[in-house]
Amino acid sequence: MNEFFPQQDIKLNLKIVEQGVLFLFHHPNGGPGDLVQVRQSWLSVHSLLSRLRKSRTYCARDVPLLVWKEGEELHIKYHIPDDLAVEECVFTRAETGRILAMLEGLPGLN
């Protein structure tokens, strides 16, 4: 599992699961959105990377996940279940590079 830290007080873990990648968003404040899990299939991860390479926005079809780049920063928006809130994480250039390198090197994509 890999840990990434956006500019907000949230931690993102990317975990390889059998069908793809699990995005785990950890909120330190507790509450209904303390741990938000968003699963993406290998095909979805491939689509996400392809869209980012073309400077396009990735919008997941079956779960509320939106991913895009502004300059060198990676932005991820997701929905917190049972709270109706939407969170946005903004990752620095360095963290963006780490995230993309991790996703591009996944064995399920090769």
PDB file of N, CA and C in Angstrom:
ATOM      1  N   MET A   1       0.851  -1.175   0.000  1.00  0.00           N
ATOM      2  CA  MET A   1       0.000   0.000   0.000  1.00  0.00           C
ATOM      3  C   MET A   1       0.897   1.239   0.000  1.00  0.00           C
ATOM      4  N   ASN A   2       0.536   2.222  -0.769  1.00  0.00           N
ATOM      5  CA  ASN A   2       1.315   3.446  -0.876  1.00  0.00           C
ATOM      6  C   ASN A   2       0.529   4.606  -0.289  1.00  0.00           C
ATOM      7  N   GLU A   3       1.213   5.460   0.459  1.00  0.00           N
ATOM      8  CA  GLU A   3       0.582   6.619   1.097  1.00  0.00           C
ATOM      9  C   GLU A   3       0.977   7.895   0.371  1.00  0.00           C
ATOM     10  N   PHE A   4      -0.017   8.767   0.190  1.00  0.00           N
ATOM     11  CA  PHE A   4       0.206  10.054  -0.454  1.00  0.00           C
ATOM     12  C   PHE A   4      -0.521  11.121   0.360  1.00  0.00           C
ATOM     13  N   PHE A   5       0.050  12.314   0.381  1.00  0.00           N
ATOM     14  CA  PHE A   5      -0.495  13.374   1.224  1.00  0.00           C
ATOM     15  C   PHE A   5      -0.768  14.627   0.411  1.00  0.00           C
ATOM     16  N   PRO A   6      -2.043  14.951   0.216  1.00  0.00           N
ATOM     17  CA  PRO A   6      -2.380  16.180  -0.504  1.00  0.00           C
ATOM     18  C   PRO A   6      -2.165  17.396   0.391  1.00  0.00           C
ATOM     19  N   GLN A   7      -2.440  18.558  -0.143  1.00  0.00           N
ATOM     20  CA  GLN A   7      -2.279  19.793   0.603  1.00  0.00           C
ATOM     21  C   GLN A   7      -3.335  19.927   1.702  1.00  0.00           C
ATOM     22  N   GLN A   8      -4.428  19.182   1.606  1.00  0.00           N
ATOM     23  CA  GLN A   8      -5.458  19.178   2.629  1.00  0.00           C
ATOM     24  C   GLN A   8      -5.080  18.164   3.706  1.00  0.00           C
ATOM     25  N   ASP A   9      -5.793  18.155   4.795  1.00  0.00           N
ATOM     26  CA  ASP A   9      -5.489  17.265   5.908  1.00  0.00           C
ATOM     27  C   ASP A   9      -6.151  15.901   5.697  1.00  0.00           C
ATOM     28  N   ILE A  10      -5.809  15.263   4.586  1.00  0.00           N
ATOM     29  CA  ILE A  10      -6.361  13.960   4.202  1.00  0.00           C
ATOM     30  C   ILE A  10      -5.186  13.094   3.762  1.00  0.00           C
ATOM     31  N   LYS A  11      -5.282  11.797   3.993  1.00  0.00           N
ATOM     32  CA  LYS A  11      -4.249  10.877   3.521  1.00  0.00           C
ATOM     33  C   LYS A  11      -4.877   9.954   2.480  1.00  0.00           C
ATOM     34  N   LEU A  12      -4.184   9.736   1.379  1.00  0.00           N
ATOM     35  CA  LEU A  12      -4.632   8.822   0.332  1.00  0.00           C
ATOM     36  C   LEU A  12      -3.729   7.599   0.327  1.00  0.00           C
ATOM     37  N   ASN A  13      -4.341   6.430   0.401  1.00  0.00           N
ATOM     38  CA  ASN A  13      -3.625   5.171   0.218  1.00  0.00           C
ATOM     39  C   ASN A  13      -4.127   4.552  -1.069  1.00  0.00           C
ATOM     40  N   LEU A  14      -3.215   4.031  -1.869  1.00  0.00           N
ATOM     41  CA  LEU A  14      -3.577   3.280  -3.063  1.00  0.00           C
ATOM     42  C   LEU A  14      -3.189   1.832  -2.807  1.00  0.00           C
ATOM     43  N   LYS A  15      -4.169   0.968  -2.866  1.00  0.00           N
ATOM     44  CA  LYS A  15      -3.945  -0.444  -2.562  1.00  0.00           C
ATOM     45  C   LYS A  15      -4.331  -1.285  -3.781  1.00  0.00           C
ATOM     46  N   ILE A  16      -3.447  -2.192  -4.153  1.00  0.00           N
ATOM     47  CA  ILE A  16      -3.734  -3.112  -5.251  1.00  0.00           C
ATOM     48  C   ILE A  16      -4.677  -4.185  -4.734  1.00  0.00           C
ATOM     49  N   VAL A  17      -5.783  -4.358  -5.437  1.00  0.00           N
ATOM     50  CA  VAL A  17      -6.738  -5.420  -5.117  1.00  0.00           C
ATOM     51  C   VAL A  17      -6.886  -6.293  -6.362  1.00  0.00           C
ATOM     52  N   GLU A  18      -7.549  -7.407  -6.219  1.00  0.00           N
ATOM     53  CA  GLU A  18      -7.627  -8.373  -7.317  1.00  0.00           C
ATOM     54  C   GLU A  18      -8.150  -7.767  -8.618  1.00  0.00           C
ATOM     55  N   GLN A  19      -9.187  -6.955  -8.539  1.00  0.00           N
ATOM     56  CA  GLN A  19      -9.808  -6.411  -9.746  1.00  0.00           C
ATOM     57  C   GLN A  19      -9.257  -5.051 -10.154  1.00  0.00           C
ATOM     58  N   GLY A  20      -8.313  -4.479  -9.397  1.00  0.00           N
ATOM     59  CA  GLY A  20      -7.801  -3.173  -9.763  1.00  0.00           C
ATOM     60  C   GLY A  20      -7.126  -2.467  -8.603  1.00  0.00           C
ATOM     61  N   VAL A  21      -7.533  -1.222  -8.380  1.00  0.00           N
ATOM     62  CA  VAL A  21      -6.917  -0.378  -7.357  1.00  0.00           C
ATOM     63  C   VAL A  21      -8.007   0.176  -6.447  1.00  0.00           C
ATOM     64  N   LEU A  22      -7.707   0.192  -5.162  1.00  0.00           N
ATOM     65  CA  LEU A  22      -8.616   0.751  -4.182  1.00  0.00           C
ATOM     66  C   LEU A  22      -8.026   2.063  -3.687  1.00  0.00           C
ATOM     67  N   PHE A  23      -8.764   3.164  -3.885  1.00  0.00           N
ATOM     68  CA  PHE A  23      -8.388   4.471  -3.370  1.00  0.00           C
ATOM     69  C   PHE A  23      -8.983   4.580  -1.967  1.00  0.00           C
ATOM     70  N   LEU A  24      -8.140   4.768  -0.961  1.00  0.00           N
ATOM     71  CA  LEU A  24      -8.593   4.900   0.423  1.00  0.00           C
ATOM     72  C   LEU A  24      -8.268   6.305   0.906  1.00  0.00           C
ATOM     73  N   PHE A  25      -9.294   7.093   1.177  1.00  0.00           N
ATOM     74  CA  PHE A  25      -9.131   8.451   1.667  1.00  0.00           C
ATOM     75  C   PHE A  25      -9.372   8.459   3.175  1.00  0.00           C
ATOM     76  N   HIS A  26      -8.372   8.855   3.952  1.00  0.00           N
ATOM     77  CA  HIS A  26      -8.466   8.884   5.414  1.00  0.00           C
ATOM     78  C   HIS A  26      -8.601  10.335   5.883  1.00  0.00           C
ATOM     79  N   HIS A  27      -9.636  10.602   6.646  1.00  0.00           N
ATOM     80  CA  HIS A  27      -9.867  11.927   7.216  1.00  0.00           C
ATOM     81  C   HIS A  27      -9.560  11.875   8.709  1.00  0.00           C
ATOM     82  N   PRO A  28      -8.730  12.756   9.212  1.00  0.00           N
ATOM     83  CA  PRO A  28      -8.339  12.687  10.622  1.00  0.00           C
ATOM     84  C   PRO A  28      -9.430  13.145  11.595  1.00  0.00           C
ATOM     85  N   ASN A  29     -10.443  13.832  11.124  1.00  0.00           N
ATOM     86  CA  ASN A  29     -11.452  14.408  12.008  1.00  0.00           C
ATOM     87  C   ASN A  29     -12.538  13.436  12.417  1.00  0.00           C
ATOM     88  N   GLY A  30     -12.581  12.257  11.843  1.00  0.00           N
ATOM     89  CA  GLY A  30     -13.624  11.293  12.174  1.00  0.00           C
ATOM     90  C   GLY A  30     -14.927  11.627  11.474  1.00  0.00           C
ATOM     91  N   GLY A  31     -15.997  11.009  11.902  1.00  0.00           N
ATOM     92  CA  GLY A  31     -17.298  11.246  11.291  1.00  0.00           C
ATOM     93  C   GLY A  31     -17.588  10.237  10.208  1.00  0.00           C
ATOM     94  N   PRO A  32     -18.705  10.430   9.495  1.00  0.00           N
ATOM     95  CA  PRO A  32     -19.137   9.440   8.505  1.00  0.00           C
ATOM     96  C   PRO A  32     -18.150   9.266   7.361  1.00  0.00           C
ATOM     97  N   GLY A  33     -17.386  10.269   7.050  1.00  0.00           N
ATOM     98  CA  GLY A  33     -16.446  10.176   5.938  1.00  0.00           C
ATOM     99  C   GLY A  33     -15.025   9.924   6.376  1.00  0.00           C
ATOM    100  N   ASP A  34     -14.835   9.371   7.580  1.00  0.00           N
ATOM    101  CA  ASP A  34     -13.494   9.150   8.114  1.00  0.00           C
ATOM    102  C   ASP A  34     -12.653   8.294   7.183  1.00  0.00           C
ATOM    103  N   LEU A  35     -13.236   7.260   6.619  1.00  0.00           N
ATOM    104  CA  LEU A  35     -12.540   6.409   5.652  1.00  0.00           C
ATOM    105  C   LEU A  35     -13.463   6.211   4.455  1.00  0.00           C
ATOM    106  N   VAL A  36     -13.051   6.742   3.319  1.00  0.00           N
ATOM    107  CA  VAL A  36     -13.829   6.613   2.093  1.00  0.00           C
ATOM    108  C   VAL A  36     -13.054   5.705   1.146  1.00  0.00           C
ATOM    109  N   GLN A  37     -13.726   4.654   0.644  1.00  0.00           N
ATOM    110  CA  GLN A  37     -13.105   3.697  -0.258  1.00  0.00           C
ATOM    111  C   GLN A  37     -13.714   3.830  -1.650  1.00  0.00           C
ATOM    112  N   VAL A  38     -12.850   3.971  -2.640  1.00  0.00           N
ATOM    113  CA  VAL A  38     -13.302   4.062  -4.027  1.00  0.00           C
ATOM    114  C   VAL A  38     -12.512   3.037  -4.839  1.00  0.00           C
ATOM    115  N   ARG A  39     -13.203   2.024  -5.334  1.00  0.00           N
ATOM    116  CA  ARG A  39     -12.567   0.949  -6.102  1.00  0.00           C
ATOM    117  C   ARG A  39     -12.604   1.300  -7.589  1.00  0.00           C
ATOM    118  N   GLN A  40     -11.467   1.055  -8.266  1.00  0.00           N
ATOM    119  CA  GLN A  40     -11.371   1.258  -9.703  1.00  0.00           C
ATOM    120  C   GLN A  40     -10.793  -0.001 -10.341  1.00  0.00           C
ATOM    121  N   SER A  41     -11.430  -0.476 -11.397  1.00  0.00           N
ATOM    122  CA  SER A  41     -10.952  -1.663 -12.105  1.00  0.00           C
ATOM    123  C   SER A  41      -9.666  -1.327 -12.860  1.00  0.00           C
ATOM    124  N   TRP A  42      -8.985  -2.376 -13.339  1.00  0.00           N
ATOM    125  CA  TRP A  42      -7.781  -2.150 -14.141  1.00  0.00           C
ATOM    126  C   TRP A  42      -8.107  -1.316 -15.377  1.00  0.00           C
ATOM    127  N   LEU A  43      -9.236  -1.601 -15.999  1.00  0.00           N
ATOM    128  CA  LEU A  43      -9.647  -0.844 -17.178  1.00  0.00           C
ATOM    129  C   LEU A  43      -9.865   0.629 -16.830  1.00  0.00           C
ATOM    130  N   SER A  44     -10.469   0.888 -15.687  1.00  0.00           N
ATOM    131  CA  SER A  44     -10.704   2.265 -15.254  1.00  0.00           C
ATOM    132  C   SER A  44      -9.396   2.997 -14.956  1.00  0.00           C
ATOM    133  N   VAL A  45      -8.442   2.302 -14.336  1.00  0.00           N
ATOM    134  CA  VAL A  45      -7.141   2.914 -14.051  1.00  0.00           C
ATOM    135  C   VAL A  45      -6.421   3.231 -15.359  1.00  0.00           C
ATOM    136  N   HIS A  46      -6.511   2.325 -16.320  1.00  0.00           N
ATOM    137  CA  HIS A  46      -5.915   2.563 -17.640  1.00  0.00           C
ATOM    138  C   HIS A  46      -6.550   3.801 -18.290  1.00  0.00           C
ATOM    139  N   SER A  47      -7.858   3.920 -18.207  1.00  0.00           N
ATOM    140  CA  SER A  47      -8.575   5.074 -18.751  1.00  0.00           C
ATOM    141  C   SER A  47      -8.178   6.358 -18.031  1.00  0.00           C
ATOM    142  N   LEU A  48      -8.056   6.290 -16.710  1.00  0.00           N
ATOM    143  CA  LEU A  48      -7.640   7.449 -15.913  1.00  0.00           C
ATOM    144  C   LEU A  48      -6.282   7.959 -16.380  1.00  0.00           C
ATOM    145  N   LEU A  49      -5.313   7.062 -16.502  1.00  0.00           N
ATOM    146  CA  LEU A  49      -3.965   7.451 -16.931  1.00  0.00           C
ATOM    147  C   LEU A  49      -3.974   8.010 -18.347  1.00  0.00           C
ATOM    148  N   SER A  50      -4.736   7.396 -19.220  1.00  0.00           N
ATOM    149  CA  SER A  50      -4.824   7.865 -20.599  1.00  0.00           C
ATOM    150  C   SER A  50      -5.381   9.279 -20.663  1.00  0.00           C
ATOM    151  N   ARG A  51      -6.415   9.544 -19.908  1.00  0.00           N
ATOM    152  CA  ARG A  51      -7.015  10.881 -19.908  1.00  0.00           C
ATOM    153  C   ARG A  51      -6.064  11.918 -19.327  1.00  0.00           C
ATOM    154  N   LEU A  52      -5.344  11.567 -18.266  1.00  0.00           N
ATOM    155  CA  LEU A  52      -4.398  12.508 -17.679  1.00  0.00           C
ATOM    156  C   LEU A  52      -3.261  12.827 -18.646  1.00  0.00           C
ATOM    157  N   ARG A  53      -2.799  11.823 -19.417  1.00  0.00           N
ATOM    158  CA  ARG A  53      -1.738  12.066 -20.400  1.00  0.00           C
ATOM    159  C   ARG A  53      -2.189  13.046 -21.484  1.00  0.00           C
ATOM    160  N   LYS A  54      -3.495  13.051 -21.768  1.00  0.00           N
ATOM    161  CA  LYS A  54      -4.050  13.930 -22.799  1.00  0.00           C
ATOM    162  C   LYS A  54      -4.624  15.221 -22.210  1.00  0.00           C
ATOM    163  N   SER A  55      -4.297  15.490 -20.938  1.00  0.00           N
ATOM    164  CA  SER A  55      -4.788  16.686 -20.238  1.00  0.00           C
ATOM    165  C   SER A  55      -6.303  16.763 -20.229  1.00  0.00           C
ATOM    166  N   ARG A  56      -6.932  15.616 -20.032  1.00  0.00           N
ATOM    167  CA  ARG A  56      -8.387  15.557 -19.954  1.00  0.00           C
ATOM    168  C   ARG A  56      -8.803  15.116 -18.564  1.00  0.00           C
ATOM    169  N   THR A  57     -10.052  15.337 -18.240  1.00  0.00           N
ATOM    170  CA  THR A  57     -10.598  14.954 -16.935  1.00  0.00           C
ATOM    171  C   THR A  57     -11.111  13.523 -16.991  1.00  0.00           C
ATOM    172  N   TYR A  58     -10.821  12.776 -15.929  1.00  0.00           N
ATOM    173  CA  TYR A  58     -11.343  11.411 -15.799  1.00  0.00           C
ATOM    174  C   TYR A  58     -12.531  11.452 -14.843  1.00  0.00           C
ATOM    175  N   CYS A  59     -13.650  10.907 -15.290  1.00  0.00           N
ATOM    176  CA  CYS A  59     -14.848  10.803 -14.465  1.00  0.00           C
ATOM    177  C   CYS A  59     -15.261   9.340 -14.434  1.00  0.00           C
ATOM    178  N   ALA A  60     -15.209   8.736 -13.245  1.00  0.00           N
ATOM    179  CA  ALA A  60     -15.593   7.326 -13.112  1.00  0.00           C
ATOM    180  C   ALA A  60     -17.068   7.166 -13.420  1.00  0.00           C
ATOM    181  N   ARG A  61     -17.418   6.042 -14.024  1.00  0.00           N
ATOM    182  CA  ARG A  61     -18.811   5.807 -14.419  1.00  0.00           C
ATOM    183  C   ARG A  61     -19.680   5.327 -13.273  1.00  0.00           C
ATOM    184  N   ASP A  62     -19.148   4.448 -12.457  1.00  0.00           N
ATOM    185  CA  ASP A  62     -19.983   3.792 -11.457  1.00  0.00           C
ATOM    186  C   ASP A  62     -19.809   4.301 -10.032  1.00  0.00           C
ATOM    187  N   VAL A  63     -18.823   5.148  -9.791  1.00  0.00           N
ATOM    188  CA  VAL A  63     -18.598   5.723  -8.461  1.00  0.00           C
ATOM    189  C   VAL A  63     -18.290   7.211  -8.606  1.00  0.00           C
ATOM    190  N   PRO A  64     -18.565   7.997  -7.571  1.00  0.00           N
ATOM    191  CA  PRO A  64     -18.317   9.435  -7.664  1.00  0.00           C
ATOM    192  C   PRO A  64     -16.832   9.768  -7.490  1.00  0.00           C
ATOM    193  N   LEU A  65     -16.092   9.731  -8.592  1.00  0.00           N
ATOM    194  CA  LEU A  65     -14.660  10.030  -8.583  1.00  0.00           C
ATOM    195  C   LEU A  65     -14.335  10.857  -9.819  1.00  0.00           C
ATOM    196  N   LEU A  66     -13.662  11.979  -9.604  1.00  0.00           N
ATOM    197  CA  LEU A  66     -13.276  12.888 -10.680  1.00  0.00           C
ATOM    198  C   LEU A  66     -11.793  13.194 -10.496  1.00  0.00           C
ATOM    199  N   VAL A  67     -10.989  13.033 -11.551  1.00  0.00           N
ATOM    200  CA  VAL A  67      -9.543  13.231 -11.462  1.00  0.00           C
ATOM    201  C   VAL A  67      -9.083  14.078 -12.649  1.00  0.00           C
ATOM    202  N   TRP A  68      -8.251  15.082 -12.374  1.00  0.00           N
ATOM    203  CA  TRP A  68      -7.702  15.914 -13.436  1.00  0.00           C
ATOM    204  C   TRP A  68      -6.422  16.576 -12.944  1.00  0.00           C
ATOM    205  N   LYS A  69      -5.675  17.151 -13.912  1.00  0.00           N
ATOM    206  CA  LYS A  69      -4.458  17.887 -13.585  1.00  0.00           C
ATOM    207  C   LYS A  69      -4.639  19.340 -13.965  1.00  0.00           C
ATOM    208  N   GLU A  70      -4.132  20.200 -13.095  1.00  0.00           N
ATOM    209  CA  GLU A  70      -4.014  21.629 -13.394  1.00  0.00           C
ATOM    210  C   GLU A  70      -2.537  21.954 -13.279  1.00  0.00           C
ATOM    211  N   GLY A  71      -1.906  22.188 -14.415  1.00  0.00           N
ATOM    212  CA  GLY A  71      -0.460  22.360 -14.405  1.00  0.00           C
ATOM    213  C   GLY A  71       0.194  21.068 -13.951  1.00  0.00           C
ATOM    214  N   GLU A  72       0.975  21.142 -12.891  1.00  0.00           N
ATOM    215  CA  GLU A  72       1.663  19.966 -12.353  1.00  0.00           C
ATOM    216  C   GLU A  72       0.937  19.358 -11.151  1.00  0.00           C
ATOM    217  N   GLU A  73      -0.188  19.938 -10.770  1.00  0.00           N
ATOM    218  CA  GLU A  73      -0.926  19.453  -9.603  1.00  0.00           C
ATOM    219  C   GLU A  73      -2.043  18.494 -10.010  1.00  0.00           C
ATOM    220  N   LEU A  74      -2.165  17.415  -9.254  1.00  0.00           N
ATOM    221  CA  LEU A  74      -3.229  16.448  -9.464  1.00  0.00           C
ATOM    222  C   LEU A  74      -4.383  16.778  -8.531  1.00  0.00           C
ATOM    223  N   HIS A  75      -5.604  16.781  -9.079  1.00  0.00           N
ATOM    224  CA  HIS A  75      -6.814  17.053  -8.300  1.00  0.00           C
ATOM    225  C   HIS A  75      -7.685  15.796  -8.322  1.00  0.00           C
ATOM    226  N   ILE A  76      -8.196  15.437  -7.156  1.00  0.00           N
ATOM    227  CA  ILE A  76      -9.122  14.311  -7.051  1.00  0.00           C
ATOM    228  C   ILE A  76     -10.322  14.757  -6.232  1.00  0.00           C
ATOM    229  N   LYS A  77     -11.510  14.629  -6.822  1.00  0.00           N
ATOM    230  CA  LYS A  77     -12.758  14.912  -6.114  1.00  0.00           C
ATOM    231  C   LYS A  77     -13.495  13.603  -5.923  1.00  0.00           C
ATOM    232  N   TYR A  78     -14.076  13.428  -4.749  1.00  0.00           N
ATOM    233  CA  TYR A  78     -14.847  12.228  -4.472  1.00  0.00           C
ATOM    234  C   TYR A  78     -15.966  12.568  -3.499  1.00  0.00           C
ATOM    235  N   HIS A  79     -16.953  11.717  -3.461  1.00  0.00           N
ATOM    236  CA  HIS A  79     -18.150  11.911  -2.643  1.00  0.00           C
ATOM    237  C   HIS A  79     -18.027  11.116  -1.351  1.00  0.00           C
ATOM    238  N   ILE A  80     -18.394  11.728  -0.237  1.00  0.00           N
ATOM    239  CA  ILE A  80     -18.415  11.037   1.052  1.00  0.00           C
ATOM    240  C   ILE A  80     -19.807  10.454   1.248  1.00  0.00           C
ATOM    241  N   PRO A  81     -19.925   9.132   1.283  1.00  0.00           N
ATOM    242  CA  PRO A  81     -21.246   8.511   1.469  1.00  0.00           C
ATOM    243  C   PRO A  81     -21.876   8.927   2.801  1.00  0.00           C
ATOM    244  N   ASP A  82     -23.180   8.977   2.834  1.00  0.00           N
ATOM    245  CA  ASP A  82     -23.958   9.286   4.034  1.00  0.00           C
ATOM    246  C   ASP A  82     -23.759  10.707   4.543  1.00  0.00           C
ATOM    247  N   ASP A  83     -23.003  11.524   3.839  1.00  0.00           N
ATOM    248  CA  ASP A  83     -22.751  12.885   4.301  1.00  0.00           C
ATOM    249  C   ASP A  83     -23.131  13.907   3.235  1.00  0.00           C
ATOM    250  N   LEU A  84     -23.292  13.463   2.001  1.00  0.00           N
ATOM    251  CA  LEU A  84     -23.595  14.308   0.850  1.00  0.00           C
ATOM    252  C   LEU A  84     -22.542  15.378   0.605  1.00  0.00           C
ATOM    253  N   ALA A  85     -21.361  15.203   1.198  1.00  0.00           N
ATOM    254  CA  ALA A  85     -20.277  16.157   1.004  1.00  0.00           C
ATOM    255  C   ALA A  85     -19.362  15.672  -0.113  1.00  0.00           C
ATOM    256  N   VAL A  86     -18.734  16.626  -0.771  1.00  0.00           N
ATOM    257  CA  VAL A  86     -17.744  16.320  -1.800  1.00  0.00           C
ATOM    258  C   VAL A  86     -16.412  16.878  -1.315  1.00  0.00           C
ATOM    259  N   GLU A  87     -15.385  16.049  -1.353  1.00  0.00           N
ATOM    260  CA  GLU A  87     -14.041  16.464  -0.948  1.00  0.00           C
ATOM    261  C   GLU A  87     -13.166  16.594  -2.178  1.00  0.00           C
ATOM    262  N   GLU A  88     -12.239  17.520  -2.119  1.00  0.00           N
ATOM    263  CA  GLU A  88     -11.255  17.659  -3.188  1.00  0.00           C
ATOM    264  C   GLU A  88      -9.864  17.636  -2.585  1.00  0.00           C
ATOM    265  N   CYS A  89      -9.023  16.799  -3.140  1.00  0.00           N
ATOM    266  CA  CYS A  89      -7.622  16.720  -2.744  1.00  0.00           C
ATOM    267  C   CYS A  89      -6.780  17.338  -3.855  1.00  0.00           C
ATOM    268  N   VAL A  90      -5.810  18.135  -3.472  1.00  0.00           N
ATOM    269  CA  VAL A  90      -4.881  18.714  -4.437  1.00  0.00           C
ATOM    270  C   VAL A  90      -3.479  18.272  -4.031  1.00  0.00           C
ATOM    271  N   PHE A  91      -2.800  17.613  -4.956  1.00  0.00           N
ATOM    272  CA  PHE A  91      -1.474  17.074  -4.689  1.00  0.00           C
ATOM    273  C   PHE A  91      -0.409  17.933  -5.348  1.00  0.00           C
ATOM    274  N   THR A  92       0.697  18.124  -4.659  1.00  0.00           N
ATOM    275  CA  THR A  92       1.811  18.897  -5.190  1.00  0.00           C
ATOM    276  C   THR A  92       2.428  18.177  -6.390  1.00  0.00           C
ATOM    277  N   ARG A  93       3.313  18.856  -7.060  1.00  0.00           N
ATOM    278  CA  ARG A  93       4.000  18.271  -8.214  1.00  0.00           C
ATOM    279  C   ARG A  93       4.722  16.987  -7.819  1.00  0.00           C
ATOM    280  N   ALA A  94       5.412  17.005  -6.679  1.00  0.00           N
ATOM    281  CA  ALA A  94       6.165  15.840  -6.235  1.00  0.00           C
ATOM    282  C   ALA A  94       5.231  14.658  -5.939  1.00  0.00           C
ATOM    283  N   GLU A  95       4.145  14.915  -5.212  1.00  0.00           N
ATOM    284  CA  GLU A  95       3.196  13.844  -4.889  1.00  0.00           C
ATOM    285  C   GLU A  95       2.492  13.351  -6.155  1.00  0.00           C
ATOM    286  N   THR A  96       2.181  14.261  -7.061  1.00  0.00           N
ATOM    287  CA  THR A  96       1.568  13.876  -8.335  1.00  0.00           C
ATOM    288  C   THR A  96       2.478  12.917  -9.084  1.00  0.00           C
ATOM    289  N   GLY A  97       3.761  13.232  -9.138  1.00  0.00           N
ATOM    290  CA  GLY A  97       4.726  12.357  -9.799  1.00  0.00           C
ATOM    291  C   GLY A  97       4.783  10.979  -9.169  1.00  0.00           C
ATOM    292  N   ARG A  98       4.747  10.925  -7.840  1.00  0.00           N
ATOM    293  CA  ARG A  98       4.766   9.640  -7.128  1.00  0.00           C
ATOM    294  C   ARG A  98       3.508   8.827  -7.421  1.00  0.00           C
ATOM    295  N   ILE A  99       2.356   9.486  -7.403  1.00  0.00           N
ATOM    296  CA  ILE A  99       1.085   8.790  -7.655  1.00  0.00           C
ATOM    297  C   ILE A  99       1.062   8.219  -9.067  1.00  0.00           C
ATOM    298  N   LEU A 100       1.406   9.050 -10.041  1.00  0.00           N
ATOM    299  CA  LEU A 100       1.373   8.594 -11.432  1.00  0.00           C
ATOM    300  C   LEU A 100       2.383   7.481 -11.685  1.00  0.00           C
ATOM    301  N   ALA A 101       3.571   7.593 -11.097  1.00  0.00           N
ATOM    302  CA  ALA A 101       4.583   6.547 -11.262  1.00  0.00           C
ATOM    303  C   ALA A 101       4.087   5.229 -10.667  1.00  0.00           C
ATOM    304  N   MET A 102       3.434   5.305  -9.520  1.00  0.00           N
ATOM    305  CA  MET A 102       2.902   4.094  -8.891  1.00  0.00           C
ATOM    306  C   MET A 102       1.827   3.468  -9.766  1.00  0.00           C
ATOM    307  N   LEU A 103       0.883   4.284 -10.250  1.00  0.00           N
ATOM    308  CA  LEU A 103      -0.214   3.760 -11.072  1.00  0.00           C
ATOM    309  C   LEU A 103       0.308   3.200 -12.398  1.00  0.00           C
ATOM    310  N   GLU A 104       1.250   3.901 -13.024  1.00  0.00           N
ATOM    311  CA  GLU A 104       1.771   3.450 -14.314  1.00  0.00           C
ATOM    312  C   GLU A 104       2.573   2.162 -14.196  1.00  0.00           C
ATOM    313  N   GLY A 105       3.123   1.888 -13.021  1.00  0.00           N
ATOM    314  CA  GLY A 105       3.931   0.692 -12.834  1.00  0.00           C
ATOM    315  C   GLY A 105       3.162  -0.514 -12.299  1.00  0.00           C
ATOM    316  N   LEU A 106       1.853  -0.401 -12.212  1.00  0.00           N
ATOM    317  CA  LEU A 106       1.065  -1.505 -11.657  1.00  0.00           C
ATOM    318  C   LEU A 106       1.094  -2.725 -12.576  1.00  0.00           C
ATOM    319  N   PRO A 107       1.218  -3.905 -11.986  1.00  0.00           N
ATOM    320  CA  PRO A 107       1.307  -5.124 -12.811  1.00  0.00           C
ATOM    321  C   PRO A 107       0.046  -5.410 -13.613  1.00  0.00           C
ATOM    322  N   GLY A 108      -1.094  -4.981 -13.167  1.00  0.00           N
ATOM    323  CA  GLY A 108      -2.345  -5.230 -13.890  1.00  0.00           C
ATOM    324  C   GLY A 108      -2.495  -4.422 -15.155  1.00  0.00           C
ATOM    325  N   LEU A 109      -1.617  -3.428 -15.354  1.00  0.00           N
ATOM    326  CA  LEU A 109      -1.715  -2.573 -16.548  1.00  0.00           C
ATOM    327  C   LEU A 109      -0.752  -2.987 -17.643  1.00  0.00           C
ATOM    328  N   ASN A 110       0.175  -3.888 -17.326  1.00  0.00           N
ATOM    329  CA  ASN A 110       1.196  -4.284 -18.310  1.00  0.00           C
ATOM    330  C   ASN A 110       0.829  -5.571 -18.994  1.00  0.00           C
TER     331      ASN A 110
END
